[in-house]
Amino acid sequence: MTIPVQTDSVASLLEQILAVDKQILDALNATNMLLTKANTIAQETLDSSKRIEVLLGGGEEVSVPTMMKVVYKHVLSQKK
């Protein structure tokens, strides 16, 4: 980006503003894509958590520490 000087024409200044706006738009689009990806990952994690609850025989009232304890015990039992 160039620094505007007093002798720049209005058209030149408008082009510089447009260029900066395009950079901002590109950054916002990239941020939006990352947020969409993060949202998808969060939704997949929630869905996985719900499937784990069902597999453990619990419902929504089963706490995460309880689920982790059952999973941990299962993993330990598989190593023996």
PDB file of N, CA and C in Angstrom:
ATOM      1  N   MET A   1       0.847  -1.175   0.000  1.00  0.00           N
ATOM      2  CA  MET A   1       0.000   0.000   0.000  1.00  0.00           C
ATOM      3  C   MET A   1       0.890   1.234   0.000  1.00  0.00           C
ATOM      4  N   THR A   2       0.536   2.166  -0.836  1.00  0.00           N
ATOM      5  CA  THR A   2       1.317   3.393  -0.917  1.00  0.00           C
ATOM      6  C   THR A   2       0.725   4.436   0.018  1.00  0.00           C
ATOM      7  N   ILE A   3       1.570   5.322   0.464  1.00  0.00           N
ATOM      8  CA  ILE A   3       1.138   6.408   1.324  1.00  0.00           C
ATOM      9  C   ILE A   3       0.668   7.554   0.428  1.00  0.00           C
ATOM     10  N   PRO A   4      -0.569   8.014   0.618  1.00  0.00           N
ATOM     11  CA  PRO A   4      -1.053   9.115  -0.225  1.00  0.00           C
ATOM     12  C   PRO A   4      -0.283  10.407   0.065  1.00  0.00           C
ATOM     13  N   VAL A   5      -0.042  11.151  -0.980  1.00  0.00           N
ATOM     14  CA  VAL A   5       0.591  12.458  -0.843  1.00  0.00           C
ATOM     15  C   VAL A   5      -0.366  13.507  -1.384  1.00  0.00           C
ATOM     16  N   GLN A   6      -0.088  14.739  -1.071  1.00  0.00           N
ATOM     17  CA  GLN A   6      -1.004  15.826  -1.406  1.00  0.00           C
ATOM     18  C   GLN A   6      -1.224  15.986  -2.911  1.00  0.00           C
ATOM     19  N   THR A   7      -0.271  15.549  -3.697  1.00  0.00           N
ATOM     20  CA  THR A   7      -0.391  15.741  -5.148  1.00  0.00           C
ATOM     21  C   THR A   7      -1.112  14.583  -5.848  1.00  0.00           C
ATOM     22  N   ASP A   8      -1.502  13.559  -5.116  1.00  0.00           N
ATOM     23  CA  ASP A   8      -2.230  12.444  -5.726  1.00  0.00           C
ATOM     24  C   ASP A   8      -3.588  12.915  -6.232  1.00  0.00           C
ATOM     25  N   SER A   9      -4.014  12.324  -7.334  1.00  0.00           N
ATOM     26  CA  SER A   9      -5.333  12.657  -7.876  1.00  0.00           C
ATOM     27  C   SER A   9      -6.410  11.931  -7.075  1.00  0.00           C
ATOM     28  N   VAL A  10      -7.615  12.411  -7.226  1.00  0.00           N
ATOM     29  CA  VAL A  10      -8.743  11.768  -6.545  1.00  0.00           C
ATOM     30  C   VAL A  10      -8.880  10.328  -7.022  1.00  0.00           C
ATOM     31  N   ALA A  11      -8.706  10.106  -8.315  1.00  0.00           N
ATOM     32  CA  ALA A  11      -8.809   8.756  -8.864  1.00  0.00           C
ATOM     33  C   ALA A  11      -7.761   7.838  -8.244  1.00  0.00           C
ATOM     34  N   SER A  12      -6.551   8.354  -8.089  1.00  0.00           N
ATOM     35  CA  SER A  12      -5.481   7.563  -7.478  1.00  0.00           C
ATOM     36  C   SER A  12      -5.813   7.223  -6.024  1.00  0.00           C
ATOM     37  N   LEU A  13      -6.326   8.207  -5.292  1.00  0.00           N
ATOM     38  CA  LEU A  13      -6.712   7.972  -3.900  1.00  0.00           C
ATOM     39  C   LEU A  13      -7.843   6.953  -3.813  1.00  0.00           C
ATOM     40  N   LEU A  14      -8.816   7.053  -4.718  1.00  0.00           N
ATOM     41  CA  LEU A  14      -9.918   6.100  -4.728  1.00  0.00           C
ATOM     42  C   LEU A  14      -9.421   4.686  -5.056  1.00  0.00           C
ATOM     43  N   GLU A  15      -8.460   4.583  -5.941  1.00  0.00           N
ATOM     44  CA  GLU A  15      -7.873   3.276  -6.265  1.00  0.00           C
ATOM     45  C   GLU A  15      -7.174   2.686  -5.042  1.00  0.00           C
ATOM     46  N   GLN A  16      -6.472   3.533  -4.284  1.00  0.00           N
ATOM     47  CA  GLN A  16      -5.803   3.068  -3.078  1.00  0.00           C
ATOM     48  C   GLN A  16      -6.821   2.598  -2.040  1.00  0.00           C
ATOM     49  N   ILE A  17      -7.907   3.351  -1.898  1.00  0.00           N
ATOM     50  CA  ILE A  17      -8.959   2.962  -0.961  1.00  0.00           C
ATOM     51  C   ILE A  17      -9.575   1.630  -1.386  1.00  0.00           C
ATOM     52  N   LEU A  18      -9.826   1.495  -2.682  1.00  0.00           N
ATOM     53  CA  LEU A  18     -10.389   0.258  -3.209  1.00  0.00           C
ATOM     54  C   LEU A  18      -9.459  -0.924  -2.948  1.00  0.00           C
ATOM     55  N   ALA A  19      -8.168  -0.719  -3.123  1.00  0.00           N
ATOM     56  CA  ALA A  19      -7.191  -1.786  -2.877  1.00  0.00           C
ATOM     57  C   ALA A  19      -7.207  -2.206  -1.405  1.00  0.00           C
ATOM     58  N   VAL A  20      -7.274  -1.235  -0.507  1.00  0.00           N
ATOM     59  CA  VAL A  20      -7.326  -1.546   0.923  1.00  0.00           C
ATOM     60  C   VAL A  20      -8.632  -2.274   1.258  1.00  0.00           C
ATOM     61  N   ASP A  21      -9.733  -1.813   0.670  1.00  0.00           N
ATOM     62  CA  ASP A  21     -11.015  -2.479   0.899  1.00  0.00           C
ATOM     63  C   ASP A  21     -10.976  -3.925   0.428  1.00  0.00           C
ATOM     64  N   LYS A  22     -10.297  -4.170  -0.701  1.00  0.00           N
ATOM     65  CA  LYS A  22     -10.186  -5.538  -1.206  1.00  0.00           C
ATOM     66  C   LYS A  22      -9.376  -6.394  -0.241  1.00  0.00           C
ATOM     67  N   GLN A  23      -8.303  -5.837   0.322  1.00  0.00           N
ATOM     68  CA  GLN A  23      -7.507  -6.586   1.301  1.00  0.00           C
ATOM     69  C   GLN A  23      -8.345  -6.919   2.533  1.00  0.00           C
ATOM     70  N   ILE A  24      -9.145  -5.961   2.976  1.00  0.00           N
ATOM     71  CA  ILE A  24     -10.006  -6.191   4.139  1.00  0.00           C
ATOM     72  C   ILE A  24     -11.034  -7.266   3.817  1.00  0.00           C
ATOM     73  N   LEU A  25     -11.643  -7.195   2.638  1.00  0.00           N
ATOM     74  CA  LEU A  25     -12.628  -8.188   2.224  1.00  0.00           C
ATOM     75  C   LEU A  25     -12.009  -9.578   2.156  1.00  0.00           C
ATOM     76  N   ASP A  26     -10.803  -9.674   1.609  1.00  0.00           N
ATOM     77  CA  ASP A  26     -10.108 -10.965   1.547  1.00  0.00           C
ATOM     78  C   ASP A  26      -9.859 -11.516   2.950  1.00  0.00           C
ATOM     79  N   ALA A  27      -9.446 -10.652   3.869  1.00  0.00           N
ATOM     80  CA  ALA A  27      -9.199 -11.083   5.244  1.00  0.00           C
ATOM     81  C   ALA A  27     -10.497 -11.532   5.912  1.00  0.00           C
ATOM     82  N   LEU A  28     -11.577 -10.801   5.674  1.00  0.00           N
ATOM     83  CA  LEU A  28     -12.870 -11.184   6.245  1.00  0.00           C
ATOM     84  C   LEU A  28     -13.367 -12.509   5.673  1.00  0.00           C
ATOM     85  N   ASN A  29     -13.165 -12.717   4.386  1.00  0.00           N
ATOM     86  CA  ASN A  29     -13.557 -13.989   3.771  1.00  0.00           C
ATOM     87  C   ASN A  29     -12.752 -15.151   4.350  1.00  0.00           C
ATOM     88  N   ALA A  30     -11.461 -14.945   4.550  1.00  0.00           N
ATOM     89  CA  ALA A  30     -10.618 -15.983   5.140  1.00  0.00           C
ATOM     90  C   ALA A  30     -11.065 -16.273   6.570  1.00  0.00           C
ATOM     91  N   THR A  31     -11.377 -15.224   7.326  1.00  0.00           N
ATOM     92  CA  THR A  31     -11.862 -15.400   8.695  1.00  0.00           C
ATOM     93  C   THR A  31     -13.177 -16.155   8.700  1.00  0.00           C
ATOM     94  N   ASN A  32     -14.062 -15.809   7.775  1.00  0.00           N
ATOM     95  CA  ASN A  32     -15.350 -16.494   7.680  1.00  0.00           C
ATOM     96  C   ASN A  32     -15.160 -17.976   7.375  1.00  0.00           C
ATOM     97  N   MET A  33     -14.231 -18.291   6.484  1.00  0.00           N
ATOM     98  CA  MET A  33     -13.968 -19.695   6.161  1.00  0.00           C
ATOM     99  C   MET A  33     -13.452 -20.441   7.383  1.00  0.00           C
ATOM    100  N   LEU A  34     -12.566 -19.810   8.148  1.00  0.00           N
ATOM    101  CA  LEU A  34     -12.028 -20.456   9.349  1.00  0.00           C
ATOM    102  C   LEU A  34     -13.109 -20.645  10.408  1.00  0.00           C
ATOM    103  N   LEU A  35     -13.979 -19.652  10.555  1.00  0.00           N
ATOM    104  CA  LEU A  35     -15.075 -19.786  11.521  1.00  0.00           C
ATOM    105  C   LEU A  35     -16.056 -20.876  11.110  1.00  0.00           C
ATOM    106  N   THR A  36     -16.316 -20.984   9.823  1.00  0.00           N
ATOM    107  CA  THR A  36     -17.194 -22.036   9.321  1.00  0.00           C
ATOM    108  C   THR A  36     -16.583 -23.404   9.593  1.00  0.00           C
ATOM    109  N   LYS A  37     -15.287 -23.525   9.360  1.00  0.00           N
ATOM    110  CA  LYS A  37     -14.598 -24.791   9.628  1.00  0.00           C
ATOM    111  C   LYS A  37     -14.622 -25.115  11.126  1.00  0.00           C
ATOM    112  N   ALA A  38     -14.380 -24.120  11.967  1.00  0.00           N
ATOM    113  CA  ALA A  38     -14.410 -24.327  13.412  1.00  0.00           C
ATOM    114  C   ALA A  38     -15.809 -24.744  13.869  1.00  0.00           C
ATOM    115  N   ASN A  39     -16.834 -24.130  13.286  1.00  0.00           N
ATOM    116  CA  ASN A  39     -18.199 -24.475  13.626  1.00  0.00           C
ATOM    117  C   ASN A  39     -18.510 -25.916  13.226  1.00  0.00           C
ATOM    118  N   THR A  40     -18.040 -26.324  12.067  1.00  0.00           N
ATOM    119  CA  THR A  40     -18.242 -27.696  11.603  1.00  0.00           C
ATOM    120  C   THR A  40     -17.563 -28.686  12.549  1.00  0.00           C
ATOM    121  N   ILE A  41     -16.340 -28.377  12.956  1.00  0.00           N
ATOM    122  CA  ILE A  41     -15.613 -29.248  13.879  1.00  0.00           C
ATOM    123  C   ILE A  41     -16.332 -29.324  15.220  1.00  0.00           C
ATOM    124  N   ALA A  42     -16.817 -28.186  15.711  1.00  0.00           N
ATOM    125  CA  ALA A  42     -17.543 -28.174  16.978  1.00  0.00           C
ATOM    126  C   ALA A  42     -18.818 -29.014  16.880  1.00  0.00           C
ATOM    127  N   GLN A  43     -19.525 -28.901  15.766  1.00  0.00           N
ATOM    128  CA  GLN A  43     -20.747 -29.691  15.580  1.00  0.00           C
ATOM    129  C   GLN A  43     -20.433 -31.177  15.505  1.00  0.00           C
ATOM    130  N   GLU A  44     -19.357 -31.541  14.801  1.00  0.00           N
ATOM    131  CA  GLU A  44     -18.959 -32.942  14.719  1.00  0.00           C
ATOM    132  C   GLU A  44     -18.560 -33.476  16.089  1.00  0.00           C
ATOM    133  N   THR A  45     -17.888 -32.658  16.882  1.00  0.00           N
ATOM    134  CA  THR A  45     -17.502 -33.057  18.231  1.00  0.00           C
ATOM    135  C   THR A  45     -18.744 -33.286  19.097  1.00  0.00           C
ATOM    136  N   LEU A  46     -19.712 -32.399  18.993  1.00  0.00           N
ATOM    137  CA  LEU A  46     -20.958 -32.561  19.743  1.00  0.00           C
ATOM    138  C   LEU A  46     -21.679 -33.830  19.312  1.00  0.00           C
ATOM    139  N   ASP A  47     -21.756 -34.072  18.012  1.00  0.00           N
ATOM    140  CA  ASP A  47     -22.404 -35.291  17.519  1.00  0.00           C
ATOM    141  C   ASP A  47     -21.688 -36.539  18.031  1.00  0.00           C
ATOM    142  N   SER A  48     -20.351 -36.515  18.024  1.00  0.00           N
ATOM    143  CA  SER A  48     -19.575 -37.648  18.537  1.00  0.00           C
ATOM    144  C   SER A  48     -19.841 -37.860  20.016  1.00  0.00           C
ATOM    145  N   SER A  49     -19.916 -36.772  20.747  1.00  0.00           N
ATOM    146  CA  SER A  49     -20.185 -36.857  22.179  1.00  0.00           C
ATOM    147  C   SER A  49     -21.539 -37.505  22.435  1.00  0.00           C
ATOM    148  N   LYS A  50     -22.532 -37.130  21.635  1.00  0.00           N
ATOM    149  CA  LYS A  50     -23.865 -37.718  21.796  1.00  0.00           C
ATOM    150  C   LYS A  50     -23.842 -39.204  21.460  1.00  0.00           C
ATOM    151  N   ARG A  51     -23.067 -39.596  20.439  1.00  0.00           N
ATOM    152  CA  ARG A  51     -22.968 -41.019  20.098  1.00  0.00           C
ATOM    153  C   ARG A  51     -22.273 -41.786  21.215  1.00  0.00           C
ATOM    154  N   ILE A  52     -21.265 -41.187  21.836  1.00  0.00           N
ATOM    155  CA  ILE A  52     -20.567 -41.837  22.950  1.00  0.00           C
ATOM    156  C   ILE A  52     -21.526 -42.027  24.117  1.00  0.00           C
ATOM    157  N   GLU A  53     -22.344 -41.003  24.383  1.00  0.00           N
ATOM    158  CA  GLU A  53     -23.334 -41.133  25.462  1.00  0.00           C
ATOM    159  C   GLU A  53     -24.245 -42.320  25.214  1.00  0.00           C
ATOM    160  N   VAL A  54     -24.712 -42.476  23.990  1.00  0.00           N
ATOM    161  CA  VAL A  54     -25.608 -43.588  23.647  1.00  0.00           C
ATOM    162  C   VAL A  54     -24.868 -44.917  23.797  1.00  0.00           C
ATOM    163  N   LEU A  55     -23.623 -44.983  23.327  1.00  0.00           N
ATOM    164  CA  LEU A  55     -22.847 -46.214  23.430  1.00  0.00           C
ATOM    165  C   LEU A  55     -22.594 -46.615  24.881  1.00  0.00           C
ATOM    166  N   LEU A  56     -22.482 -45.626  25.746  1.00  0.00           N
ATOM    167  CA  LEU A  56     -22.243 -45.907  27.161  1.00  0.00           C
ATOM    168  C   LEU A  56     -23.539 -46.222  27.899  1.00  0.00           C
ATOM    169  N   GLY A  57     -24.625 -46.163  27.187  1.00  0.00           N
ATOM    170  CA  GLY A  57     -25.904 -46.496  27.803  1.00  0.00           C
ATOM    171  C   GLY A  57     -26.502 -45.362  28.602  1.00  0.00           C
ATOM    172  N   GLY A  58     -25.974 -44.202  28.457  1.00  0.00           N
ATOM    173  CA  GLY A  58     -26.484 -43.060  29.204  1.00  0.00           C
ATOM    174  C   GLY A  58     -27.283 -42.141  28.313  1.00  0.00           C
ATOM    175  N   GLY A  59     -27.775 -41.143  28.923  1.00  0.00           N
ATOM    176  CA  GLY A  59     -28.497 -40.133  28.185  1.00  0.00           C
ATOM    177  C   GLY A  59     -27.802 -38.809  28.373  1.00  0.00           C
ATOM    178  N   GLU A  60     -28.548 -37.760  28.254  1.00  0.00           N
ATOM    179  CA  GLU A  60     -27.961 -36.437  28.404  1.00  0.00           C
ATOM    180  C   GLU A  60     -27.512 -36.154  29.829  1.00  0.00           C
ATOM    181  N   GLU A  61     -28.022 -36.931  30.785  1.00  0.00           N
ATOM    182  CA  GLU A  61     -27.645 -36.680  32.170  1.00  0.00           C
ATOM    183  C   GLU A  61     -26.289 -37.286  32.541  1.00  0.00           C
ATOM    184  N   VAL A  62     -25.673 -38.046  31.622  1.00  0.00           N
ATOM    185  CA  VAL A  62     -24.363 -38.631  31.884  1.00  0.00           C
ATOM    186  C   VAL A  62     -23.310 -37.539  31.731  1.00  0.00           C
ATOM    187  N   SER A  63     -22.521 -37.355  32.776  1.00  0.00           N
ATOM    188  CA  SER A  63     -21.529 -36.281  32.742  1.00  0.00           C
ATOM    189  C   SER A  63     -20.309 -36.693  31.918  1.00  0.00           C
ATOM    190  N   VAL A  64     -19.600 -35.704  31.447  1.00  0.00           N
ATOM    191  CA  VAL A  64     -18.390 -35.960  30.659  1.00  0.00           C
ATOM    192  C   VAL A  64     -17.347 -36.701  31.501  1.00  0.00           C
ATOM    193  N   PRO A  65     -17.102 -36.314  32.766  1.00  0.00           N
ATOM    194  CA  PRO A  65     -16.125 -37.083  33.558  1.00  0.00           C
ATOM    195  C   PRO A  65     -16.518 -38.551  33.699  1.00  0.00           C
ATOM    196  N   THR A  66     -17.805 -38.827  33.842  1.00  0.00           N
ATOM    197  CA  THR A  66     -18.260 -40.213  33.941  1.00  0.00           C
ATOM    198  C   THR A  66     -17.985 -40.949  32.645  1.00  0.00           C
ATOM    199  N   MET A  67     -18.283 -40.295  31.519  1.00  0.00           N
ATOM    200  CA  MET A  67     -18.012 -40.916  30.230  1.00  0.00           C
ATOM    201  C   MET A  67     -16.517 -41.179  30.059  1.00  0.00           C
ATOM    202  N   MET A  68     -15.700 -40.206  30.428  1.00  0.00           N
ATOM    203  CA  MET A  68     -14.252 -40.363  30.280  1.00  0.00           C
ATOM    204  C   MET A  68     -13.741 -41.501  31.155  1.00  0.00           C
ATOM    205  N   LYS A  69     -14.295 -41.640  32.348  1.00  0.00           N
ATOM    206  CA  LYS A  69     -13.890 -42.710  33.261  1.00  0.00           C
ATOM    207  C   LYS A  69     -14.216 -44.072  32.642  1.00  0.00           C
ATOM    208  N   VAL A  70     -15.404 -44.218  32.060  1.00  0.00           N
ATOM    209  CA  VAL A  70     -15.793 -45.476  31.428  1.00  0.00           C
ATOM    210  C   VAL A  70     -14.900 -45.770  30.230  1.00  0.00           C
ATOM    211  N   VAL A  71     -14.656 -44.756  29.412  1.00  0.00           N
ATOM    212  CA  VAL A  71     -13.795 -44.940  28.240  1.00  0.00           C
ATOM    213  C   VAL A  71     -12.380 -45.311  28.681  1.00  0.00           C
ATOM    214  N   TYR A  72     -11.864 -44.646  29.710  1.00  0.00           N
ATOM    215  CA  TYR A  72     -10.526 -44.925  30.217  1.00  0.00           C
ATOM    216  C   TYR A  72     -10.432 -46.369  30.707  1.00  0.00           C
ATOM    217  N   LYS A  73     -11.427 -46.803  31.464  1.00  0.00           N
ATOM    218  CA  LYS A  73     -11.441 -48.187  31.957  1.00  0.00           C
ATOM    219  C   LYS A  73     -11.492 -49.162  30.784  1.00  0.00           C
ATOM    220  N   HIS A  74     -12.274 -48.825  29.778  1.00  0.00           N
ATOM    221  CA  HIS A  74     -12.372 -49.699  28.593  1.00  0.00           C
ATOM    222  C   HIS A  74     -11.017 -49.789  27.888  1.00  0.00           C
ATOM    223  N   VAL A  75     -10.353 -48.673  27.733  1.00  0.00           N
ATOM    224  CA  VAL A  75      -9.037 -48.668  27.063  1.00  0.00           C
ATOM    225  C   VAL A  75      -8.046 -49.482  27.872  1.00  0.00           C
ATOM    226  N   LEU A  76      -8.039 -49.326  29.199  1.00  0.00           N
ATOM    227  CA  LEU A  76      -7.125 -50.082  30.037  1.00  0.00           C
ATOM    228  C   LEU A  76      -7.409 -51.578  29.949  1.00  0.00           C
ATOM    229  N   SER A  77      -8.673 -51.943  29.906  1.00  0.00           N
ATOM    230  CA  SER A  77      -9.019 -53.356  29.837  1.00  0.00           C
ATOM    231  C   SER A  77      -8.602 -53.970  28.503  1.00  0.00           C
ATOM    232  N   GLN A  78      -8.555 -53.189  27.449  1.00  0.00           N
ATOM    233  CA  GLN A  78      -8.143 -53.683  26.137  1.00  0.00           C
ATOM    234  C   GLN A  78      -6.638 -53.902  26.053  1.00  0.00           C
ATOM    235  N   LYS A  79      -5.870 -53.226  26.907  1.00  0.00           N
ATOM    236  CA  LYS A  79      -4.418 -53.341  26.869  1.00  0.00           C
ATOM    237  C   LYS A  79      -3.930 -54.616  27.555  1.00  0.00           C
ATOM    238  N   LYS A  80      -4.760 -55.194  28.405  1.00  0.00           N
ATOM    239  CA  LYS A  80      -4.340 -56.399  29.162  1.00  0.00           C
ATOM    240  C   LYS A  80      -4.411 -57.632  28.324  1.00  0.00           C
TER     241      LYS A  80
END
